[in-house]
């Protein structure tokens, strides 16, 4: 049983972060470029 609905494992969190990263890459608008740089430095 998971302790709560909002609880996620580290692996799930990595997947969520990566999917956000990919979607930001795909959008490729002006502001997302700087966002990409922040994510790139995180990974």
PDB file of N, CA and C in Angstrom:
ATOM      1  N   UNK A   1       0.845  -1.202   0.000  1.00  0.00           N
ATOM      2  CA  UNK A   1       0.000   0.000   0.000  1.00  0.00           C
ATOM      3  C   UNK A   1       0.881   1.252   0.000  1.00  0.00           C
ATOM      4  N   UNK A   2       0.550   2.192  -0.846  1.00  0.00           N
ATOM      5  CA  UNK A   2       1.289   3.457  -0.822  1.00  0.00           C
ATOM      6  C   UNK A   2       0.713   4.354   0.268  1.00  0.00           C
ATOM      7  N   UNK A   3       1.569   5.120   0.928  1.00  0.00           N
ATOM      8  CA  UNK A   3       1.121   5.948   2.052  1.00  0.00           C
ATOM      9  C   UNK A   3       0.126   7.034   1.668  1.00  0.00           C
ATOM     10  N   UNK A   4       0.122   7.449   0.412  1.00  0.00           N
ATOM     11  CA  UNK A   4      -0.813   8.494   0.007  1.00  0.00           C
ATOM     12  C   UNK A   4      -0.866   8.638  -1.495  1.00  0.00           C
ATOM     13  N   UNK A   5      -1.902   9.283  -1.987  1.00  0.00           N
ATOM     14  CA  UNK A   5      -2.084   9.424  -3.430  1.00  0.00           C
ATOM     15  C   UNK A   5      -0.993  10.252  -4.083  1.00  0.00           C
ATOM     16  N   UNK A   6      -0.405  11.171  -3.317  1.00  0.00           N
ATOM     17  CA  UNK A   6       0.598  12.051  -3.910  1.00  0.00           C
ATOM     18  C   UNK A   6       2.000  11.454  -3.807  1.00  0.00           C
ATOM     19  N   UNK A   7       2.118  10.321  -3.133  1.00  0.00           N
ATOM     20  CA  UNK A   7       3.432   9.705  -2.949  1.00  0.00           C
ATOM     21  C   UNK A   7       3.931   9.097  -4.259  1.00  0.00           C
ATOM     22  N   UNK A   8       5.153   9.386  -4.612  1.00  0.00           N
ATOM     23  CA  UNK A   8       5.776   8.772  -5.785  1.00  0.00           C
ATOM     24  C   UNK A   8       7.161   8.271  -5.417  1.00  0.00           C
ATOM     25  N   UNK A   9       7.582   7.219  -6.079  1.00  0.00           N
ATOM     26  CA  UNK A   9       8.922   6.699  -5.839  1.00  0.00           C
ATOM     27  C   UNK A   9       9.935   7.575  -6.563  1.00  0.00           C
ATOM     28  N   UNK A  10      11.196   7.389  -6.251  1.00  0.00           N
ATOM     29  CA  UNK A  10      12.249   8.148  -6.914  1.00  0.00           C
ATOM     30  C   UNK A  10      12.229   7.912  -8.411  1.00  0.00           C
ATOM     31  N   UNK A  11      11.957   6.665  -8.803  1.00  0.00           N
ATOM     32  CA  UNK A  11      11.936   6.333 -10.224  1.00  0.00           C
ATOM     33  C   UNK A  11      10.798   7.059 -10.934  1.00  0.00           C
ATOM     34  N   UNK A  12       9.624   7.087 -10.290  1.00  0.00           N
ATOM     35  CA  UNK A  12       8.488   7.798 -10.884  1.00  0.00           C
ATOM     36  C   UNK A  12       8.779   9.289 -11.000  1.00  0.00           C
ATOM     37  N   UNK A  13       9.427   9.839  -9.985  1.00  0.00           N
ATOM     38  CA  UNK A  13       9.757  11.260 -10.007  1.00  0.00           C
ATOM     39  C   UNK A  13      10.720  11.563 -11.144  1.00  0.00           C
ATOM     40  N   UNK A  14      11.706  10.696 -11.350  1.00  0.00           N
ATOM     41  CA  UNK A  14      12.639  10.866 -12.466  1.00  0.00           C
ATOM     42  C   UNK A  14      11.891  10.865 -13.792  1.00  0.00           C
ATOM     43  N   UNK A  15      10.903   9.960 -13.905  1.00  0.00           N
ATOM     44  CA  UNK A  15      10.120   9.867 -15.136  1.00  0.00           C
ATOM     45  C   UNK A  15       9.320  11.139 -15.366  1.00  0.00           C
ATOM     46  N   UNK A  16       8.717  11.662 -14.294  1.00  0.00           N
ATOM     47  CA  UNK A  16       7.929  12.891 -14.390  1.00  0.00           C
ATOM     48  C   UNK A  16       8.814  14.063 -14.812  1.00  0.00           C
ATOM     49  N   UNK A  17       9.966  14.180 -14.168  1.00  0.00           N
ATOM     50  CA  UNK A  17      10.889  15.270 -14.492  1.00  0.00           C
ATOM     51  C   UNK A  17      11.378  15.148 -15.930  1.00  0.00           C
ATOM     52  N   UNK A  18      11.679  13.919 -16.349  1.00  0.00           N
ATOM     53  CA  UNK A  18      12.196  13.729 -17.691  1.00  0.00           C
ATOM     54  C   UNK A  18      11.130  14.027 -18.738  1.00  0.00           C
ATOM     55  N   UNK A  19       9.873  13.651 -18.455  1.00  0.00           N
ATOM     56  CA  UNK A  19       8.803  13.927 -19.412  1.00  0.00           C
ATOM     57  C   UNK A  19       8.578  15.430 -19.553  1.00  0.00           C
ATOM     58  N   UNK A  20       8.729  16.172 -18.440  1.00  0.00           N
ATOM     59  CA  UNK A  20       8.635  17.634 -18.504  1.00  0.00           C
ATOM     60  C   UNK A  20       9.776  18.189 -19.338  1.00  0.00           C
ATOM     61  N   UNK A  21      10.963  17.616 -19.141  1.00  0.00           N
ATOM     62  CA  UNK A  21      12.163  18.030 -19.871  1.00  0.00           C
ATOM     63  C   UNK A  21      11.978  17.813 -21.372  1.00  0.00           C
ATOM     64  N   UNK A  22      11.454  16.647 -21.734  1.00  0.00           N
ATOM     65  CA  UNK A  22      11.245  16.324 -23.145  1.00  0.00           C
ATOM     66  C   UNK A  22      10.197  17.244 -23.760  1.00  0.00           C
ATOM     67  N   UNK A  23       9.089  17.464 -23.057  1.00  0.00           N
ATOM     68  CA  UNK A  23       8.032  18.322 -23.599  1.00  0.00           C
ATOM     69  C   UNK A  23       8.533  19.753 -23.771  1.00  0.00           C
ATOM     70  N   UNK A  24       9.395  20.201 -22.858  1.00  0.00           N
ATOM     71  CA  UNK A  24       9.982  21.534 -22.986  1.00  0.00           C
ATOM     72  C   UNK A  24      10.882  21.604 -24.219  1.00  0.00           C
ATOM     73  N   UNK A  25      11.627  20.535 -24.456  1.00  0.00           N
ATOM     74  CA  UNK A  25      12.489  20.469 -25.634  1.00  0.00           C
ATOM     75  C   UNK A  25      11.646  20.517 -26.905  1.00  0.00           C
ATOM     76  N   UNK A  26      10.523  19.809 -26.898  1.00  0.00           N
ATOM     77  CA  UNK A  26       9.692  19.724 -28.093  1.00  0.00           C
ATOM     78  C   UNK A  26       9.017  21.050 -28.408  1.00  0.00           C
ATOM     79  N   UNK A  27       8.651  21.804 -27.376  1.00  0.00           N
ATOM     80  CA  UNK A  27       7.965  23.085 -27.618  1.00  0.00           C
ATOM     81  C   UNK A  27       8.884  24.090 -28.293  1.00  0.00           C
ATOM     82  N   UNK A  28      10.122  24.194 -27.801  1.00  0.00           N
ATOM     83  CA  UNK A  28      11.136  25.042 -28.443  1.00  0.00           C
ATOM     84  C   UNK A  28      10.706  26.491 -28.642  1.00  0.00           C
ATOM     85  N   UNK A  29      10.017  27.059 -27.669  1.00  0.00           N
ATOM     86  CA  UNK A  29       9.721  28.492 -27.737  1.00  0.00           C
ATOM     87  C   UNK A  29      10.863  29.250 -27.064  1.00  0.00           C
ATOM     88  N   UNK A  30      10.872  30.559 -27.181  1.00  0.00           N
ATOM     89  CA  UNK A  30      11.951  31.369 -26.618  1.00  0.00           C
ATOM     90  C   UNK A  30      12.220  31.099 -25.146  1.00  0.00           C
ATOM     91  N   UNK A  31      11.210  31.258 -24.280  1.00  0.00           N
ATOM     92  CA  UNK A  31      11.417  31.088 -22.839  1.00  0.00           C
ATOM     93  C   UNK A  31      11.868  29.679 -22.451  1.00  0.00           C
ATOM     94  N   UNK A  32      11.484  28.661 -23.228  1.00  0.00           N
ATOM     95  CA  UNK A  32      11.828  27.299 -22.849  1.00  0.00           C
ATOM     96  C   UNK A  32      13.307  27.011 -23.071  1.00  0.00           C
ATOM     97  N   UNK A  33      13.981  27.846 -23.851  1.00  0.00           N
ATOM     98  CA  UNK A  33      15.420  27.637 -24.050  1.00  0.00           C
ATOM     99  C   UNK A  33      16.159  27.772 -22.724  1.00  0.00           C
ATOM    100  N   UNK A  34      15.856  28.823 -21.971  1.00  0.00           N
ATOM    101  CA  UNK A  34      16.517  29.008 -20.682  1.00  0.00           C
ATOM    102  C   UNK A  34      16.089  27.908 -19.715  1.00  0.00           C
ATOM    103  N   UNK A  35      14.829  27.476 -19.827  1.00  0.00           N
ATOM    104  CA  UNK A  35      14.335  26.379 -18.996  1.00  0.00           C
ATOM    105  C   UNK A  35      15.108  25.101 -19.305  1.00  0.00           C
ATOM    106  N   UNK A  36      15.359  24.856 -20.588  1.00  0.00           N
ATOM    107  CA  UNK A  36      16.151  23.698 -21.002  1.00  0.00           C
ATOM    108  C   UNK A  36      17.527  23.720 -20.355  1.00  0.00           C
ATOM    109  N   UNK A  37      18.146  24.891 -20.318  1.00  0.00           N
ATOM    110  CA  UNK A  37      19.483  25.008 -19.745  1.00  0.00           C
ATOM    111  C   UNK A  37      19.482  24.647 -18.268  1.00  0.00           C
ATOM    112  N   UNK A  38      18.447  25.053 -17.560  1.00  0.00           N
ATOM    113  CA  UNK A  38      18.337  24.722 -16.139  1.00  0.00           C
ATOM    114  C   UNK A  38      18.220  23.215 -15.973  1.00  0.00           C
ATOM    115  N   UNK A  39      17.384  22.582 -16.802  1.00  0.00           N
ATOM    116  CA  UNK A  39      17.188  21.136 -16.710  1.00  0.00           C
ATOM    117  C   UNK A  39      18.466  20.396 -17.101  1.00  0.00           C
ATOM    118  N   UNK A  40      19.120  20.855 -18.161  1.00  0.00           N
ATOM    119  CA  UNK A  40      20.363  20.215 -18.604  1.00  0.00           C
ATOM    120  C   UNK A  40      21.405  20.210 -17.488  1.00  0.00           C
ATOM    121  N   UNK A  41      21.482  21.299 -16.749  1.00  0.00           N
ATOM    122  CA  UNK A  41      22.438  21.375 -15.650  1.00  0.00           C
ATOM    123  C   UNK A  41      22.049  20.451 -14.506  1.00  0.00           C
ATOM    124  N   UNK A  42      20.738  20.198 -14.377  1.00  0.00           N
ATOM    125  CA  UNK A  42      20.262  19.328 -13.301  1.00  0.00           C
ATOM    126  C   UNK A  42      20.601  17.877 -13.594  1.00  0.00           C
ATOM    127  N   UNK A  43      20.488  17.477 -14.868  1.00  0.00           N
ATOM    128  CA  UNK A  43      20.755  16.083 -15.202  1.00  0.00           C
ATOM    129  C   UNK A  43      22.249  15.866 -15.291  1.00  0.00           C
TER     130      UNK A  43
END
